[in-house]
């Protein structure tokens, strides 16, 4: 028996129906999947260096939803998608439709994108990076509308399938993520943690696996022009094949400054996907039960852009091809013509889900063969978030299991920490050109975000 087959077999036998009957009656869960692979050739998102639209499908793209309910509390739904990202306009429209149809509150709908660079462009995201024709833009708008309908549908389907379940949490590691800002810090910070939420039915069957990792989904290069979910898509496919009847949902972490290493080929994307799936299977073997409580919170914070003088200094230092600067200038002119000025801030959505009891004692858990129900905190941040945020929040909440995701609810641009902002470079502010933002954020950015997280978690 191969190593992965062994891990899968052991993981499948770990949680028994008897234990579920005793501890899992408070939770109900439902899961659904819908394919979102475009039915036509569209421009692919992520790489400005691409020279042609998509040419077929290497691995189908999906959106998935996990609905959770405990006791009389409101239903919450996690939505994941094999996309570079979603925009606030998209998630606002989907959430509004779901609120009308199902009565779900905004704080109970969480959208996360895998950040694959082999999916379609959606909405007007990264518009400066692509020289799109009017016909291509129309096709993207049509697909975006269809996608929003599918996201609403997959949420409704998951909610309709709620049934008794048990939740448990675990984590492991895999090490293919490497900090890519080597020009500033050769051995920069990275987070190799693999977070796993296991969802079992009362019959002992594994219903869903939610897993997260903090690394760009950029194993495949710009020369690949077939739809593909990159390493996250491979890992989901492996887990679903190894655990029959299970739905695997990937949640992208704070990997804005991390790349898969090595990268560049189909063989490597399969290797990284396998490595991640193996880490998930190891975690599935011995998870900690999650007490049946869920507290949700949602808010926004305005991240100020630098003023005109600082923007001019930033612009003068940019080392970006003239074509992108020209496109950016054209977008800025349209904004001024429409609004009379450039935007002064970016609205950033922040969401917190607190599962079960969040106080932990790892030393006690490690010694005990019978673990008492515990919990974890899922923090979902908008934008392409650098790893410093996950590491800082883990330090500031040492008594909690902290799972921090980026690429959630609105992928509007890079979100640097104060350190990365001061260092500069692509993640520090230069990428704002491609995202059609007026300039970098001010040095308030990190404290504003962390302060909002503190507020939403409460009890500090």
Protein backbone atom coordinates (compact mmCIF):
# COMPACT_ATOMS: atom_id res chain seq x y z
CA UNK A 1 0.00 0.00 0.00
CA UNK A 2 1.37 3.45 -0.96
CA UNK A 3 1.86 6.12 1.70
CA UNK A 4 -1.14 8.23 0.59
CA UNK A 5 -3.43 5.22 0.43
CA UNK A 6 -2.35 4.31 3.98
CA UNK A 7 -3.02 7.83 5.30
CA UNK A 8 -6.43 7.91 3.63
CA UNK A 9 -7.40 4.53 5.07
CA UNK A 10 -6.34 5.50 8.60
CA UNK A 11 -8.08 8.88 8.41
CA UNK A 12 -11.32 7.23 7.28
CA UNK A 13 -11.36 4.92 10.32
CA UNK A 14 -10.56 7.52 12.98
CA UNK A 15 -13.98 8.92 13.97
CA UNK A 16 -16.58 6.31 14.91
CA UNK A 17 -20.37 6.55 14.72
CA UNK A 18 -20.61 5.90 18.48
CA UNK A 19 -18.53 8.98 19.29
CA UNK A 20 -20.56 11.06 16.84
CA UNK A 21 -23.81 10.09 18.51
CA UNK A 22 -22.48 11.25 21.87
CA UNK A 23 -20.83 14.58 20.93
CA UNK A 24 -22.12 15.74 17.55
CA UNK A 25 -25.85 16.30 17.94
CA UNK A 26 -25.54 20.06 18.19
CA UNK A 27 -24.10 20.53 14.71
CA UNK A 28 -25.87 20.25 11.38
CA UNK A 29 -24.01 20.50 8.08
CA UNK A 30 -24.79 20.52 4.39
CA UNK A 31 -22.44 20.63 1.44
CA UNK A 32 -22.81 21.32 -2.27
CA UNK A 33 -20.64 21.71 -5.37
CA UNK A 34 -21.23 23.42 -8.70
CA UNK A 35 -18.96 23.56 -11.73
CA UNK A 36 -17.93 27.08 -12.75
CA UNK A 37 -15.64 26.30 -15.67
CA UNK A 38 -16.52 28.80 -18.43
CA UNK A 39 -18.19 27.28 -21.48
CA UNK A 40 -16.20 29.55 -23.79
CA UNK A 41 -12.74 30.98 -24.18
CA UNK A 42 -12.14 33.86 -21.75
CA UNK A 43 -9.07 35.83 -20.81
CA UNK A 44 -7.36 34.16 -17.86
CA UNK A 45 -6.70 35.99 -14.61
CA UNK A 46 -3.49 36.72 -12.78
CA UNK A 47 -0.60 37.00 -15.19
CA UNK A 48 -0.11 40.22 -17.16
CA UNK A 49 2.38 38.31 -19.32
CA UNK A 50 -0.27 36.11 -20.96
CA UNK A 51 -0.69 36.67 -24.68
CA UNK A 52 -3.85 34.69 -25.48
CA UNK A 53 -7.18 33.69 -24.03
CA UNK A 54 -7.95 30.24 -22.63
CA UNK A 55 -7.60 27.21 -24.87
CA UNK A 56 -9.50 24.40 -23.19
CA UNK A 57 -9.69 22.78 -19.76
CA UNK A 58 -6.93 20.91 -17.93
CA UNK A 59 -8.80 20.62 -14.60
CA UNK A 60 -12.42 21.75 -14.14
CA UNK A 61 -13.13 24.67 -11.83
CA UNK A 62 -15.69 24.48 -9.02
CA UNK A 63 -17.45 26.54 -6.41
CA UNK A 64 -18.37 24.73 -3.20
CA UNK A 65 -20.44 25.60 -0.17
CA UNK A 66 -20.49 24.25 3.37
CA UNK A 67 -23.55 25.23 5.41
CA UNK A 68 -23.29 24.95 9.19
CA UNK A 69 -25.92 25.32 11.90
CA UNK A 70 -25.85 24.58 15.61
CA UNK A 71 -28.93 24.58 17.80
CA UNK A 72 -31.15 27.58 17.20
CA UNK A 73 -28.32 29.73 15.88
CA UNK A 74 -28.48 31.13 12.36
CA UNK A 75 -27.08 29.11 9.48
CA UNK A 76 -23.62 30.11 8.27
CA UNK A 77 -22.21 29.24 4.84
CA UNK A 78 -18.61 29.09 3.69
CA UNK A 79 -18.22 29.44 -0.10
CA UNK A 80 -14.96 28.55 -1.84
CA UNK A 81 -14.16 28.98 -5.52
CA UNK A 82 -11.39 28.06 -7.94
CA UNK A 83 -10.87 31.67 -8.99
CA UNK A 84 -8.20 34.35 -8.70
CA UNK A 85 -10.64 36.28 -6.58
CA UNK A 86 -14.08 37.79 -6.29
CA UNK A 87 -14.96 41.46 -6.01
CA UNK A 88 -17.11 43.32 -3.50
CA UNK A 89 -19.66 44.05 -6.22
CA UNK A 90 -20.02 40.32 -6.86
CA UNK A 91 -20.22 39.19 -3.24
CA UNK A 92 -22.58 42.03 -2.33
CA UNK A 93 -24.97 41.00 -5.09
CA UNK A 94 -24.80 37.31 -4.22
CA UNK A 95 -25.21 37.97 -0.50
CA UNK A 96 -28.21 40.22 -1.17
CA UNK A 97 -29.84 37.54 -3.32
CA UNK A 98 -29.24 34.90 -0.65
CA UNK A 99 -30.56 37.19 2.07
CA UNK A 100 -33.77 37.70 0.10
CA UNK A 101 -34.14 34.00 -0.66
CA UNK A 102 -32.96 32.36 2.55
CA UNK A 103 -32.79 35.11 5.15
CA UNK A 104 -29.08 34.61 5.84
CA UNK A 105 -27.25 37.55 7.38
CA UNK A 106 -24.18 38.98 5.69
CA UNK A 107 -21.94 38.01 8.59
CA UNK A 108 -22.94 34.39 8.00
CA UNK A 109 -21.82 34.21 4.36
CA UNK A 110 -18.09 33.94 3.79
CA UNK A 111 -16.55 33.89 0.30
CA UNK A 112 -12.96 32.71 -0.28
CA UNK A 113 -11.08 32.26 -3.56
CA UNK A 114 -8.17 29.89 -4.14
CA UNK A 115 -6.28 32.54 -6.16
CA UNK A 116 -5.51 30.19 -9.02
CA UNK A 117 -3.90 32.03 -11.92
CA UNK A 118 -5.48 29.61 -14.38
CA UNK A 119 -9.08 30.70 -13.97
CA UNK A 120 -11.12 33.32 -15.86
CA UNK A 121 -11.07 37.07 -15.33
CA UNK A 122 -14.17 38.18 -13.43
CA UNK A 123 -15.85 41.56 -13.15
CA UNK A 124 -13.23 44.34 -13.66
CA UNK A 125 -10.60 42.81 -11.41
CA UNK A 126 -6.96 43.61 -12.35
CA UNK A 127 -8.29 45.47 -15.36
CA UNK A 128 -5.01 47.33 -16.01
CA UNK A 129 -3.11 44.05 -16.42
CA UNK A 130 -4.99 42.96 -19.54
CA UNK A 131 -5.48 44.70 -22.86
CA UNK A 132 -9.00 43.44 -23.42
CA UNK A 133 -11.21 44.14 -26.42
CA UNK A 134 -14.83 45.26 -26.07
CA UNK A 135 -15.99 41.77 -27.10
CA UNK A 136 -13.77 40.12 -24.49
CA UNK A 137 -15.10 42.46 -21.80
CA UNK A 138 -18.67 41.61 -22.77
CA UNK A 139 -17.91 37.89 -22.49
CA UNK A 140 -16.40 38.46 -19.02
CA UNK A 141 -19.46 40.40 -17.89
CA UNK A 142 -21.75 37.64 -19.14
CA UNK A 143 -19.70 34.99 -17.32
CA UNK A 144 -19.63 37.07 -14.14
CA UNK A 145 -23.42 37.29 -14.10
CA UNK A 146 -23.69 33.53 -14.63
CA UNK A 147 -21.11 32.94 -11.90
CA UNK A 148 -23.05 35.03 -9.39
CA UNK A 149 -26.16 32.96 -10.10
CA UNK A 150 -24.15 29.76 -9.55
CA UNK A 151 -22.74 31.02 -6.26
CA UNK A 152 -26.25 31.79 -5.01
CA UNK A 153 -27.40 28.35 -6.18
CA UNK A 154 -24.61 26.43 -4.48
CA UNK A 155 -25.33 28.25 -1.21
CA UNK A 156 -29.02 27.37 -1.41
CA UNK A 157 -28.20 23.75 -2.23
CA UNK A 158 -25.88 23.42 0.78
CA UNK A 159 -28.47 24.93 3.13
CA UNK A 160 -31.14 22.55 1.84
CA UNK A 161 -28.96 19.55 2.75
CA UNK A 162 -28.41 20.29 6.44
CA UNK A 163 -28.26 17.14 8.57
CA UNK A 164 -26.69 16.16 11.91
CA UNK A 165 -22.91 16.19 11.91
CA UNK A 166 -19.78 16.41 14.01
CA UNK A 167 -17.03 18.97 13.45
CA UNK A 168 -13.40 18.58 14.43
CA UNK A 169 -10.24 20.59 13.84
CA UNK A 170 -6.60 19.66 13.27
CA UNK A 171 -3.50 20.97 11.60
CA UNK A 172 -0.31 19.73 10.02
CA UNK A 173 2.39 21.23 7.75
CA UNK A 174 3.81 21.08 4.26
CA UNK A 175 6.80 23.10 3.12
CA UNK A 176 6.55 24.00 -0.57
CA UNK A 177 5.61 27.64 0.18
CA UNK A 178 8.58 30.03 0.17
CA UNK A 179 8.67 33.76 0.79
CA UNK A 180 9.19 35.38 -2.60
CA UNK A 181 10.44 38.80 -1.47
CA UNK A 182 14.04 37.66 -1.47
CA UNK A 183 15.33 41.05 -2.62
CA UNK A 184 14.24 42.52 0.72
CA UNK A 185 14.66 39.61 3.12
CA UNK A 186 16.32 36.48 1.66
CA UNK A 187 14.75 34.18 4.25
CA UNK A 188 11.51 36.03 4.79
CA UNK A 189 8.64 34.76 6.95
CA UNK A 190 6.37 31.97 5.75
CA UNK A 191 3.52 29.97 7.24
CA UNK A 192 3.63 26.24 6.48
CA UNK A 193 0.57 25.41 8.59
CA UNK A 194 -2.17 23.32 6.99
CA UNK A 195 -5.46 23.98 8.79
CA UNK A 196 -8.18 21.33 8.54
CA UNK A 197 -11.85 21.30 9.50
CA UNK A 198 -13.33 17.81 9.38
CA UNK A 199 -17.09 17.34 8.98
CA UNK A 200 -18.52 13.88 9.66
CA UNK A 201 -22.07 12.58 9.44
CA UNK A 202 -23.68 10.64 12.25
CA UNK A 203 -23.27 7.49 10.15
CA UNK A 204 -19.50 7.90 10.45
CA UNK A 205 -19.09 9.01 6.84
CA UNK A 206 -16.74 11.89 6.08
CA UNK A 207 -18.95 14.60 4.55
CA UNK A 208 -16.54 17.48 3.98
CA UNK A 209 -12.94 18.54 4.44
CA UNK A 210 -12.11 22.24 4.65
CA UNK A 211 -8.39 22.89 4.45
CA UNK A 212 -6.20 25.95 4.11
CA UNK A 213 -2.64 26.89 3.16
CA UNK A 214 -0.85 30.22 2.73
CA UNK A 215 0.78 30.23 -0.70
CA UNK A 216 0.11 31.72 -4.13
CA UNK A 217 -1.56 29.30 -6.53
CA UNK A 218 1.05 30.02 -9.20
CA UNK A 219 2.81 26.72 -9.79
CA UNK A 220 1.70 26.86 -13.42
CA UNK A 221 3.33 29.57 -15.61
CA UNK A 222 1.71 32.18 -17.91
CA UNK A 223 2.29 29.90 -20.90
CA UNK A 224 -0.43 27.57 -19.57
CA UNK A 225 -3.70 28.72 -21.13
CA UNK A 226 -6.00 25.94 -19.99
CA UNK A 227 -8.33 26.29 -17.02
CA UNK A 228 -6.82 24.66 -13.95
CA UNK A 229 -7.10 25.06 -10.16
CA UNK A 230 -3.30 24.80 -9.68
CA UNK A 231 -2.03 22.94 -6.58
CA UNK A 232 -5.23 23.69 -4.62
CA UNK A 233 -7.36 22.17 -7.37
CA UNK A 234 -5.13 19.08 -7.48
CA UNK A 235 -5.28 18.65 -3.70
CA UNK A 236 -9.08 18.90 -3.69
CA UNK A 237 -9.36 16.33 -6.46
CA UNK A 238 -6.99 13.92 -4.67
CA UNK A 239 -8.87 14.20 -1.38
CA UNK A 240 -12.25 13.68 -3.01
CA UNK A 241 -10.96 10.64 -4.87
CA UNK A 242 -9.37 9.19 -1.73
CA UNK A 243 -12.46 9.79 0.44
CA UNK A 244 -15.44 8.70 -1.61
CA UNK A 245 -18.51 10.88 -1.12
CA UNK A 246 -16.53 13.70 0.48
CA UNK A 247 -16.37 17.31 -0.68
CA UNK A 248 -13.01 19.06 -0.25
CA UNK A 249 -12.98 22.86 0.05
CA UNK A 250 -9.76 24.88 -0.13
CA UNK A 251 -9.39 28.16 1.79
CA UNK A 252 -6.51 30.40 0.68
CA UNK A 253 -4.43 31.76 3.54
CA UNK A 254 -2.24 34.86 3.89
CA UNK A 255 0.09 33.85 1.08
CA UNK A 256 0.41 37.08 -0.89
CA UNK A 257 4.20 37.07 -0.44
CA UNK A 258 4.72 33.31 -0.85
CA UNK A 259 5.19 31.24 -4.00
CA UNK A 260 5.23 27.47 -4.49
CA UNK A 261 8.82 26.28 -4.83
CA UNK A 262 9.85 24.87 -7.24
CA UNK A 263 7.27 25.74 -9.86
CA UNK A 264 6.67 25.93 -13.60
CA UNK A 265 5.36 22.53 -14.76
CA UNK A 266 2.34 20.24 -14.58
CA UNK A 267 4.47 17.66 -12.75
CA UNK A 268 5.27 20.20 -10.04
CA UNK A 269 1.66 21.28 -9.61
CA UNK A 270 0.73 17.63 -9.13
CA UNK A 271 3.58 17.17 -6.64
CA UNK A 272 2.55 20.20 -4.56
CA UNK A 273 -1.11 19.18 -4.65
CA UNK A 274 -0.16 15.70 -3.47
CA UNK A 275 2.03 17.10 -0.69
CA UNK A 276 -0.83 19.28 0.54
CA UNK A 277 -3.35 16.40 0.35
CA UNK A 278 -0.99 14.18 2.36
CA UNK A 279 -0.72 16.85 5.07
CA UNK A 280 -4.52 17.02 5.20
CA UNK A 281 -4.77 13.25 5.52
CA UNK A 282 -2.28 13.27 8.38
CA UNK A 283 -4.33 15.92 10.15
CA UNK A 284 -7.55 13.96 9.64
CA UNK A 285 -6.20 11.05 11.69
CA UNK A 286 -6.47 12.70 15.09
CA UNK A 287 -8.61 15.86 15.12
CA UNK A 288 -10.09 17.63 18.15
CA UNK A 289 -13.89 17.78 18.38
CA UNK A 290 -15.48 21.22 18.06
CA UNK A 291 -18.13 22.17 20.61
CA UNK A 292 -21.41 23.12 18.96
CA UNK A 293 -21.28 26.91 19.11
CA UNK A 294 -20.53 29.41 16.35
CA UNK A 295 -20.21 33.17 16.78
CA UNK A 296 -20.01 35.23 13.58
CA UNK A 297 -19.14 38.86 12.97
CA UNK A 298 -18.57 41.00 9.89
CA UNK A 299 -17.38 44.55 9.40
CA UNK A 300 -15.41 46.81 7.13
CA UNK A 301 -12.54 49.21 7.63
CA UNK A 302 -11.45 52.00 5.32
CA UNK A 303 -7.75 51.77 4.43
CA UNK A 304 -6.51 55.24 3.42
CA UNK A 305 -4.41 55.72 0.30
CA UNK A 306 -1.39 58.02 0.50
CA UNK A 307 -1.89 61.70 -0.31
CA UNK A 308 -1.09 63.35 -3.63
CA UNK A 309 2.52 64.23 -2.78
CA UNK A 310 3.35 60.71 -1.57
CA UNK A 311 1.58 59.25 -4.59
CA UNK A 312 3.72 61.35 -6.92
CA UNK A 313 6.93 60.14 -5.21
CA UNK A 314 5.74 56.54 -5.45
CA UNK A 315 4.83 56.91 -9.10
CA UNK A 316 8.21 58.38 -9.98
CA UNK A 317 9.99 55.30 -8.58
CA UNK A 318 7.90 52.70 -10.37
CA UNK A 319 9.71 50.30 -12.69
CA UNK A 320 6.70 49.10 -14.68
CA UNK A 321 6.21 48.85 -18.44
CA UNK A 322 4.79 52.01 -19.97
CA UNK A 323 1.72 50.23 -21.36
CA UNK A 324 0.46 49.48 -17.83
CA UNK A 325 1.17 53.01 -16.64
CA UNK A 326 -0.80 54.37 -19.60
CA UNK A 327 -3.76 52.09 -18.87
CA UNK A 328 -3.63 53.04 -15.21
CA UNK A 329 -3.59 56.74 -16.05
CA UNK A 330 -6.62 56.29 -18.29
CA UNK A 331 -8.58 54.63 -15.47
CA UNK A 332 -7.57 57.35 -12.99
CA UNK A 333 -8.76 60.01 -15.44
CA UNK A 334 -12.14 58.30 -15.75
CA UNK A 335 -12.50 58.27 -11.97
CA UNK A 336 -11.68 61.96 -11.73
CA UNK A 337 -14.08 62.79 -14.56
CA UNK A 338 -16.83 60.81 -12.83
CA UNK A 339 -16.26 61.70 -9.17
CA UNK A 340 -14.19 64.86 -9.29
CA UNK A 341 -11.33 63.21 -7.40
CA UNK A 342 -9.53 59.93 -6.86
CA UNK A 343 -10.67 57.52 -4.12
CA UNK A 344 -9.18 58.37 -0.73
CA UNK A 345 -9.55 54.90 0.82
CA UNK A 346 -10.26 51.26 0.09
CA UNK A 347 -13.05 49.53 1.95
CA UNK A 348 -11.75 46.24 3.33
CA UNK A 349 -14.18 43.51 4.50
CA UNK A 350 -13.19 41.60 7.63
CA UNK A 351 -15.04 38.57 8.95
CA UNK A 352 -14.60 36.45 12.07
CA UNK A 353 -16.12 33.04 12.80
CA UNK A 354 -15.46 31.63 16.27
CA UNK A 355 -16.08 27.89 16.49
CA UNK A 356 -16.69 26.22 19.84
CA UNK A 357 -14.45 26.98 22.79
CA UNK A 358 -11.32 28.83 21.68
CA UNK A 359 -9.18 28.29 24.77
CA UNK A 360 -6.66 25.52 24.31
CA UNK A 361 -4.04 23.61 26.21
CA UNK A 362 -1.84 21.86 23.67
CA UNK A 363 0.24 20.09 26.31
CA UNK A 364 -2.86 18.54 27.88
CA UNK A 365 -4.30 17.60 24.50
CA UNK A 366 -1.05 15.95 23.48
CA UNK A 367 -1.06 13.77 26.61
CA UNK A 368 -4.72 12.84 26.47
CA UNK A 369 -6.16 10.15 24.20
CA UNK A 370 -9.68 11.53 24.78
CA UNK A 371 -9.89 15.19 23.83
CA UNK A 372 -12.64 17.41 25.15
CA UNK A 373 -14.53 19.54 22.60
CA UNK A 374 -12.60 22.72 21.82
CA UNK A 375 -12.65 25.21 18.96
CA UNK A 376 -10.83 27.62 16.69
CA UNK A 377 -11.19 31.12 15.25
CA UNK A 378 -11.38 31.70 11.50
CA UNK A 379 -10.43 35.25 10.48
CA UNK A 380 -11.18 36.13 6.84
CA UNK A 381 -9.46 39.22 5.42
CA UNK A 382 -10.10 40.94 2.10
CA UNK A 383 -7.39 41.42 -0.51
CA UNK A 384 -4.08 39.68 -1.14
CA UNK A 385 -2.80 39.57 2.43
CA UNK A 386 0.85 39.02 3.34
CA UNK A 387 1.86 36.40 5.90
CA UNK A 388 2.72 38.90 8.65
CA UNK A 389 -0.97 39.21 9.52
CA UNK A 390 -1.43 35.50 10.22
CA UNK A 391 1.76 35.36 12.26
CA UNK A 392 0.86 38.49 14.25
CA UNK A 393 -2.66 37.33 15.09
CA UNK A 394 -1.32 33.95 16.20
CA UNK A 395 1.08 35.77 18.55
CA UNK A 396 -1.60 38.10 19.88
CA UNK A 397 -4.03 35.26 20.61
CA UNK A 398 -1.76 32.53 22.02
CA UNK A 399 -4.65 30.79 23.80
CA UNK A 400 -6.64 30.34 20.58
CA UNK A 401 -6.31 28.22 17.50
CA UNK A 402 -6.09 31.00 14.88
CA UNK A 403 -6.82 30.25 11.21
CA UNK A 404 -6.31 33.43 9.17
CA UNK A 405 -7.40 33.53 5.53
CA UNK A 406 -6.84 36.14 2.84
CA UNK A 407 -8.61 36.45 -0.53
CA UNK A 408 -11.97 36.69 1.19
CA UNK A 409 -15.11 38.59 0.14
CA UNK A 410 -13.21 41.15 -2.02
CA UNK A 411 -9.81 40.77 -3.70
CA UNK A 412 -9.16 44.45 -4.41
CA UNK A 413 -5.34 44.49 -4.31
CA UNK A 414 -2.37 43.60 -2.14
CA UNK A 415 -2.56 44.22 1.61
CA UNK A 416 0.95 44.77 2.98
CA UNK A 417 1.96 44.78 6.61
CA UNK A 418 3.77 47.87 7.87
CA UNK A 419 7.08 46.05 7.32
CA UNK A 420 6.29 45.16 3.71
CA UNK A 421 4.84 48.61 3.02
CA UNK A 422 8.06 50.27 4.17
CA UNK A 423 10.20 47.84 2.18
CA UNK A 424 8.19 48.64 -0.93
CA UNK A 425 8.21 46.58 -4.09
CA UNK A 426 5.38 44.69 -5.76
CA UNK A 427 3.46 43.59 -2.66
CA UNK A 428 4.34 46.82 -0.85
CA UNK A 429 2.43 49.04 -3.25
CA UNK A 430 3.59 48.70 -6.85
CA UNK A 431 0.90 46.12 -7.69
CA UNK A 432 -1.73 48.81 -7.08
CA UNK A 433 -1.08 49.84 -10.69
CA UNK A 434 -2.50 46.56 -12.00
CA UNK A 435 -5.45 46.67 -9.60
CA UNK A 436 -6.31 50.19 -10.81
CA UNK A 437 -5.92 51.75 -7.37
CA UNK A 438 -4.58 55.32 -7.03
CA UNK A 439 -1.53 54.43 -4.94
CA UNK A 440 -0.20 52.58 -1.89
CA UNK A 441 -1.88 52.52 1.51
CA UNK A 442 -0.68 54.72 4.35
CA UNK A 443 1.26 53.33 7.31
CA UNK A 444 -2.03 52.96 9.21
CA UNK A 445 -2.94 49.87 7.16
CA UNK A 446 -1.80 47.10 9.50
CA UNK A 447 -3.09 48.62 12.71
CA UNK A 448 -6.47 49.44 11.18
CA UNK A 449 -6.97 45.84 10.06
CA UNK A 450 -5.69 44.23 13.26
CA UNK A 451 -7.72 46.66 15.35
CA UNK A 452 -10.88 45.67 13.48
CA UNK A 453 -10.10 41.99 14.02
CA UNK A 454 -9.70 42.65 17.76
CA UNK A 455 -13.04 44.43 17.79
CA UNK A 456 -14.87 41.62 15.98
CA UNK A 457 -13.35 38.89 18.15
CA UNK A 458 -14.07 40.83 21.34
CA UNK A 459 -13.03 39.93 24.87
CA UNK A 460 -9.52 41.41 24.70
